[in-house]
Amino acid sequence: MRWDLGLLGLLLLVAMSLGFGVIAQLVAGRATTRWLWLIAAAGYFVGGLFISEVWFGWATQEELQPNIDGLSFDEVLLIGLVPGIVTVLITRWIRHRGGGGGASDRSGAQRRRPTAGAV
């Protein structure tokens, strides 16, 4: 297997990944971990690398347009974006659906409320 992803294509993939991560964090809000942007960006980067270099690695530059320094731009954007958006929306829906269950701190552990008369 020959990897043909150049520096410009790699930088574009990193920029797309970071952009997706930031948008995912904004959409999910404070209901999820504050590291969601990094998790989403890393997942998008690995998925984009797989899509461009493994799944569509056989195609020539003439067959895939636009091909930016070895990066299959349209394929990475479309195939990577749809599952990513669905995953972020499902995560947000699950977190908001279970929101009325009691107070919790940032670690997710349940806090007990003091009872009347307790010191």
N, C-alpha and C. Protein backbone atom coordinates (compact mmCIF):
# COMPACT_ATOMS: atom_id res chain seq x y z
N MET A 1 0.84 -1.18 0.00
CA MET A 1 0.00 0.00 0.00
C MET A 1 0.88 1.24 0.00
N ARG A 2 0.55 2.19 -0.83
CA ARG A 2 1.32 3.43 -0.94
C ARG A 2 0.51 4.59 -0.38
N TRP A 3 1.07 5.26 0.62
CA TRP A 3 0.43 6.43 1.20
C TRP A 3 0.87 7.64 0.40
N ASP A 4 -0.08 8.36 -0.14
CA ASP A 4 0.28 9.51 -0.96
C ASP A 4 -0.25 10.83 -0.40
N LEU A 5 -0.58 10.84 0.87
CA LEU A 5 -1.10 12.06 1.49
C LEU A 5 0.07 13.00 1.75
N GLY A 6 0.03 14.17 1.10
CA GLY A 6 1.08 15.15 1.25
C GLY A 6 0.85 16.05 2.45
N LEU A 7 1.79 16.97 2.67
CA LEU A 7 1.72 17.87 3.82
C LEU A 7 0.48 18.77 3.76
N LEU A 8 0.17 19.31 2.59
CA LEU A 8 -1.00 20.17 2.46
C LEU A 8 -2.29 19.40 2.74
N GLY A 9 -2.40 18.17 2.23
CA GLY A 9 -3.57 17.34 2.50
C GLY A 9 -3.68 16.98 3.96
N LEU A 10 -2.56 16.70 4.60
CA LEU A 10 -2.55 16.38 6.02
C LEU A 10 -2.97 17.58 6.86
N LEU A 11 -2.45 18.76 6.53
CA LEU A 11 -2.83 19.97 7.26
C LEU A 11 -4.31 20.30 7.07
N LEU A 12 -4.82 20.08 5.86
CA LEU A 12 -6.25 20.31 5.62
C LEU A 12 -7.10 19.35 6.43
N LEU A 13 -6.66 18.09 6.53
CA LEU A 13 -7.40 17.11 7.33
C LEU A 13 -7.36 17.48 8.81
N VAL A 14 -6.22 17.97 9.30
CA VAL A 14 -6.14 18.41 10.69
C VAL A 14 -7.08 19.59 10.93
N ALA A 15 -7.11 20.55 10.00
CA ALA A 15 -8.00 21.71 10.14
C ALA A 15 -9.47 21.29 10.12
N MET A 16 -9.82 20.38 9.23
CA MET A 16 -11.20 19.88 9.17
C MET A 16 -11.56 19.17 10.47
N SER A 17 -10.62 18.39 11.01
CA SER A 17 -10.86 17.65 12.25
C SER A 17 -11.06 18.59 13.43
N LEU A 18 -10.21 19.60 13.54
CA LEU A 18 -10.34 20.56 14.63
C LEU A 18 -11.65 21.35 14.51
N GLY A 19 -12.01 21.73 13.29
CA GLY A 19 -13.28 22.42 13.08
C GLY A 19 -14.46 21.57 13.49
N PHE A 20 -14.43 20.30 13.12
CA PHE A 20 -15.50 19.39 13.51
C PHE A 20 -15.56 19.24 15.02
N GLY A 21 -14.39 19.13 15.66
CA GLY A 21 -14.35 18.99 17.11
C GLY A 21 -14.94 20.18 17.84
N VAL A 22 -14.60 21.39 17.37
CA VAL A 22 -15.12 22.60 18.00
C VAL A 22 -16.64 22.69 17.82
N ILE A 23 -17.12 22.40 16.62
CA ILE A 23 -18.56 22.44 16.37
C ILE A 23 -19.29 21.38 17.20
N ALA A 24 -18.69 20.20 17.32
CA ALA A 24 -19.30 19.14 18.13
C ALA A 24 -19.42 19.57 19.59
N GLN A 25 -18.38 20.24 20.11
CA GLN A 25 -18.43 20.71 21.50
C GLN A 25 -19.51 21.77 21.68
N LEU A 26 -19.64 22.67 20.70
CA LEU A 26 -20.66 23.71 20.78
C LEU A 26 -22.07 23.14 20.72
N VAL A 27 -22.27 22.14 19.86
CA VAL A 27 -23.59 21.53 19.73
C VAL A 27 -23.95 20.74 20.98
N ALA A 28 -23.00 19.99 21.51
CA ALA A 28 -23.27 19.16 22.68
C ALA A 28 -23.42 19.99 23.94
N GLY A 29 -22.76 21.13 23.99
CA GLY A 29 -22.88 22.01 25.15
C GLY A 29 -22.19 21.46 26.38
N ARG A 30 -22.65 21.89 27.53
CA ARG A 30 -22.05 21.49 28.79
C ARG A 30 -22.57 20.15 29.30
N ALA A 31 -23.44 19.53 28.55
CA ALA A 31 -24.02 18.27 28.98
C ALA A 31 -23.03 17.11 28.87
N THR A 32 -21.94 17.31 28.15
CA THR A 32 -20.96 16.25 27.97
C THR A 32 -19.63 16.68 28.55
N THR A 33 -18.63 15.86 28.38
CA THR A 33 -17.31 16.16 28.87
C THR A 33 -16.70 17.36 28.15
N ARG A 34 -15.84 18.07 28.82
CA ARG A 34 -15.21 19.23 28.18
C ARG A 34 -14.15 18.82 27.19
N TRP A 35 -13.83 17.55 27.14
CA TRP A 35 -12.86 17.02 26.18
C TRP A 35 -13.53 16.46 24.93
N LEU A 36 -14.81 16.68 24.76
CA LEU A 36 -15.51 16.15 23.59
C LEU A 36 -14.90 16.66 22.29
N TRP A 37 -14.47 17.92 22.27
CA TRP A 37 -13.88 18.48 21.05
C TRP A 37 -12.65 17.67 20.62
N LEU A 38 -11.83 17.25 21.58
CA LEU A 38 -10.63 16.48 21.26
C LEU A 38 -10.98 15.07 20.81
N ILE A 39 -11.94 14.46 21.48
CA ILE A 39 -12.38 13.12 21.11
C ILE A 39 -12.97 13.13 19.70
N ALA A 40 -13.84 14.11 19.43
CA ALA A 40 -14.46 14.21 18.10
C ALA A 40 -13.43 14.52 17.03
N ALA A 41 -12.49 15.41 17.32
CA ALA A 41 -11.46 15.76 16.33
C ALA A 41 -10.57 14.56 16.03
N ALA A 42 -10.18 13.81 17.06
CA ALA A 42 -9.34 12.63 16.85
C ALA A 42 -10.09 11.57 16.04
N GLY A 43 -11.36 11.37 16.37
CA GLY A 43 -12.16 10.40 15.61
C GLY A 43 -12.32 10.79 14.16
N TYR A 44 -12.56 12.08 13.93
CA TYR A 44 -12.72 12.57 12.56
C TYR A 44 -11.41 12.43 11.79
N PHE A 45 -10.27 12.72 12.45
CA PHE A 45 -8.97 12.61 11.80
C PHE A 45 -8.67 11.17 11.40
N VAL A 46 -8.86 10.25 12.33
CA VAL A 46 -8.60 8.83 12.04
C VAL A 46 -9.55 8.33 10.95
N GLY A 47 -10.82 8.70 11.07
CA GLY A 47 -11.78 8.29 10.04
C GLY A 47 -11.45 8.88 8.68
N GLY A 48 -11.06 10.17 8.66
CA GLY A 48 -10.70 10.81 7.40
C GLY A 48 -9.46 10.20 6.78
N LEU A 49 -8.49 9.85 7.61
CA LEU A 49 -7.29 9.19 7.11
C LEU A 49 -7.63 7.83 6.52
N PHE A 50 -8.51 7.09 7.20
CA PHE A 50 -8.94 5.79 6.70
C PHE A 50 -9.69 5.93 5.38
N ILE A 51 -10.62 6.88 5.32
CA ILE A 51 -11.41 7.07 4.11
C ILE A 51 -10.53 7.45 2.93
N SER A 52 -9.64 8.40 3.14
CA SER A 52 -8.82 8.92 2.05
C SER A 52 -7.74 7.95 1.60
N GLU A 53 -7.08 7.29 2.55
CA GLU A 53 -5.92 6.49 2.19
C GLU A 53 -6.19 5.00 2.06
N VAL A 54 -7.23 4.49 2.69
CA VAL A 54 -7.52 3.06 2.61
C VAL A 54 -8.72 2.80 1.72
N TRP A 55 -9.83 3.44 2.05
CA TRP A 55 -11.06 3.17 1.33
C TRP A 55 -10.99 3.68 -0.11
N PHE A 56 -10.51 4.92 -0.30
CA PHE A 56 -10.39 5.49 -1.64
C PHE A 56 -8.94 5.63 -2.08
N GLY A 57 -8.03 4.90 -1.46
CA GLY A 57 -6.62 4.99 -1.80
C GLY A 57 -6.29 4.45 -3.18
N TRP A 58 -7.14 3.63 -3.74
CA TRP A 58 -6.91 3.03 -5.06
C TRP A 58 -7.17 4.02 -6.19
N ALA A 59 -7.96 5.02 -5.94
CA ALA A 59 -8.39 5.94 -7.00
C ALA A 59 -7.28 6.93 -7.36
N THR A 60 -7.27 7.31 -8.62
CA THR A 60 -6.29 8.29 -9.08
C THR A 60 -6.84 9.70 -8.89
N GLN A 61 -5.98 10.67 -9.10
CA GLN A 61 -6.38 12.07 -8.93
C GLN A 61 -7.45 12.45 -9.94
N GLU A 62 -7.43 11.84 -11.10
CA GLU A 62 -8.43 12.15 -12.12
C GLU A 62 -9.80 11.57 -11.76
N GLU A 63 -9.80 10.45 -11.04
CA GLU A 63 -11.06 9.82 -10.67
C GLU A 63 -11.75 10.50 -9.49
N LEU A 64 -10.99 11.11 -8.63
CA LEU A 64 -11.55 11.79 -7.46
C LEU A 64 -11.25 13.28 -7.55
N GLN A 65 -12.26 14.07 -7.63
CA GLN A 65 -12.07 15.51 -7.67
C GLN A 65 -12.94 16.14 -6.60
N PRO A 66 -12.51 17.05 -5.81
CA PRO A 66 -11.14 17.55 -5.75
C PRO A 66 -10.26 16.64 -4.90
N ASN A 67 -9.05 16.47 -5.34
CA ASN A 67 -8.03 15.71 -4.63
C ASN A 67 -6.94 16.70 -4.24
N ILE A 68 -6.87 17.04 -2.98
CA ILE A 68 -5.95 18.08 -2.52
C ILE A 68 -4.74 17.42 -1.90
N ASP A 69 -3.65 17.38 -2.63
CA ASP A 69 -2.38 16.81 -2.18
C ASP A 69 -2.56 15.41 -1.61
N GLY A 70 -3.33 14.60 -2.32
CA GLY A 70 -3.55 13.22 -1.91
C GLY A 70 -4.77 13.00 -1.03
N LEU A 71 -5.40 14.06 -0.55
CA LEU A 71 -6.58 13.94 0.31
C LEU A 71 -7.83 13.93 -0.56
N SER A 72 -8.63 12.88 -0.44
CA SER A 72 -9.91 12.80 -1.16
C SER A 72 -10.91 13.67 -0.40
N PHE A 73 -10.93 14.96 -0.72
CA PHE A 73 -11.63 15.97 0.07
C PHE A 73 -13.12 15.69 0.20
N ASP A 74 -13.80 15.53 -0.92
CA ASP A 74 -15.26 15.33 -0.88
C ASP A 74 -15.65 14.07 -0.12
N GLU A 75 -14.91 13.00 -0.34
CA GLU A 75 -15.23 11.74 0.32
C GLU A 75 -15.05 11.85 1.82
N VAL A 76 -13.94 12.46 2.24
CA VAL A 76 -13.70 12.63 3.68
C VAL A 76 -14.77 13.52 4.29
N LEU A 77 -15.10 14.61 3.60
CA LEU A 77 -16.09 15.55 4.13
C LEU A 77 -17.46 14.90 4.27
N LEU A 78 -17.93 14.26 3.22
CA LEU A 78 -19.28 13.71 3.25
C LEU A 78 -19.40 12.44 4.08
N ILE A 79 -18.48 11.50 3.87
CA ILE A 79 -18.57 10.22 4.58
C ILE A 79 -18.20 10.40 6.05
N GLY A 80 -17.31 11.32 6.36
CA GLY A 80 -16.92 11.54 7.75
C GLY A 80 -17.90 12.40 8.52
N LEU A 81 -18.54 13.32 7.84
CA LEU A 81 -19.41 14.28 8.51
C LEU A 81 -20.75 13.69 8.93
N VAL A 82 -21.35 12.89 8.09
CA VAL A 82 -22.69 12.37 8.38
C VAL A 82 -22.70 11.49 9.64
N PRO A 83 -21.84 10.46 9.76
CA PRO A 83 -21.85 9.68 11.00
C PRO A 83 -21.42 10.51 12.22
N GLY A 84 -20.51 11.45 12.01
CA GLY A 84 -20.07 12.30 13.12
C GLY A 84 -21.19 13.16 13.66
N ILE A 85 -21.97 13.76 12.79
CA ILE A 85 -23.10 14.59 13.23
C ILE A 85 -24.14 13.74 13.93
N VAL A 86 -24.43 12.58 13.38
CA VAL A 86 -25.41 11.68 14.00
C VAL A 86 -24.94 11.27 15.40
N THR A 87 -23.65 10.96 15.55
CA THR A 87 -23.10 10.57 16.85
C THR A 87 -23.21 11.69 17.87
N VAL A 88 -22.88 12.91 17.47
CA VAL A 88 -22.96 14.06 18.39
C VAL A 88 -24.41 14.32 18.79
N LEU A 89 -25.33 14.25 17.84
CA LEU A 89 -26.74 14.50 18.17
C LEU A 89 -27.31 13.41 19.07
N ILE A 90 -26.93 12.16 18.85
CA ILE A 90 -27.40 11.08 19.72
C ILE A 90 -26.83 11.26 21.13
N THR A 91 -25.56 11.64 21.23
CA THR A 91 -24.94 11.89 22.53
C THR A 91 -25.68 13.01 23.27
N ARG A 92 -25.98 14.08 22.55
CA ARG A 92 -26.71 15.20 23.17
C ARG A 92 -28.10 14.77 23.61
N TRP A 93 -28.79 14.01 22.77
CA TRP A 93 -30.14 13.57 23.09
C TRP A 93 -30.14 12.66 24.32
N ILE A 94 -29.18 11.74 24.41
CA ILE A 94 -29.10 10.83 25.55
C ILE A 94 -28.82 11.61 26.83
N ARG A 95 -27.91 12.56 26.77
CA ARG A 95 -27.56 13.34 27.96
C ARG A 95 -28.73 14.22 28.42
N HIS A 96 -29.45 14.81 27.49
CA HIS A 96 -30.58 15.67 27.87
C HIS A 96 -31.81 14.87 28.28
N ARG A 97 -31.96 13.69 27.75
CA ARG A 97 -33.11 12.84 28.08
C ARG A 97 -33.06 12.40 29.53
N GLY A 98 -31.88 12.12 30.04
CA GLY A 98 -31.76 11.65 31.42
C GLY A 98 -31.43 12.76 32.39
N GLY A 99 -31.74 14.01 32.06
CA GLY A 99 -31.32 15.15 32.86
C GLY A 99 -32.04 15.35 34.17
N GLY A 100 -33.17 14.71 34.44
CA GLY A 100 -33.92 15.00 35.65
C GLY A 100 -33.66 14.04 36.79
N GLY A 101 -32.57 13.28 36.74
CA GLY A 101 -32.35 12.22 37.71
C GLY A 101 -31.72 12.60 39.02
N GLY A 102 -31.34 13.83 39.26
CA GLY A 102 -30.72 14.20 40.52
C GLY A 102 -29.46 14.99 40.27
N ALA A 103 -28.98 15.59 41.32
CA ALA A 103 -27.79 16.44 41.20
C ALA A 103 -26.55 15.58 41.11
N SER A 104 -25.60 15.99 40.30
CA SER A 104 -24.33 15.28 40.19
C SER A 104 -23.22 16.29 40.00
N ASP A 105 -22.03 15.90 40.44
CA ASP A 105 -20.89 16.79 40.21
C ASP A 105 -20.29 16.49 38.84
N ARG A 106 -19.19 17.15 38.48
CA ARG A 106 -18.59 16.99 37.15
C ARG A 106 -18.07 15.59 36.90
N SER A 107 -17.78 14.83 37.94
CA SER A 107 -17.27 13.48 37.75
C SER A 107 -18.39 12.49 37.41
N GLY A 108 -19.62 12.90 37.59
CA GLY A 108 -20.75 12.03 37.30
C GLY A 108 -21.25 11.28 38.52
N ALA A 109 -20.56 11.40 39.66
CA ALA A 109 -21.00 10.72 40.88
C ALA A 109 -22.22 11.44 41.46
N GLN A 110 -23.13 10.69 42.00
CA GLN A 110 -24.34 11.26 42.58
C GLN A 110 -24.02 11.88 43.94
N ARG A 111 -24.55 13.08 44.18
CA ARG A 111 -24.43 13.73 45.47
C ARG A 111 -25.70 13.49 46.26
N ARG A 112 -25.54 13.35 47.55
CA ARG A 112 -26.72 13.20 48.42
C ARG A 112 -27.09 14.53 48.98
N ARG A 113 -28.37 14.81 48.96
CA ARG A 113 -28.87 16.06 49.52
C ARG A 113 -29.08 15.87 51.02
N PRO A 114 -28.72 16.87 51.80
CA PRO A 114 -28.92 16.71 53.25
C PRO A 114 -30.41 16.60 53.58
N THR A 115 -30.69 15.77 54.54
CA THR A 115 -32.08 15.59 54.97
C THR A 115 -32.39 16.58 56.07
N ALA A 116 -33.64 16.84 56.29
CA ALA A 116 -34.06 17.79 57.31
C ALA A 116 -33.62 17.29 58.68
N GLY A 117 -33.01 18.15 59.48
CA GLY A 117 -32.58 17.80 60.82
C GLY A 117 -31.18 17.21 60.88
N ALA A 118 -30.59 16.95 59.74
CA ALA A 118 -29.23 16.39 59.75
C ALA A 118 -28.22 17.52 59.87
N VAL A 119 -27.16 17.26 60.61
CA VAL A 119 -26.13 18.30 60.82
C VAL A 119 -24.91 17.96 60.05
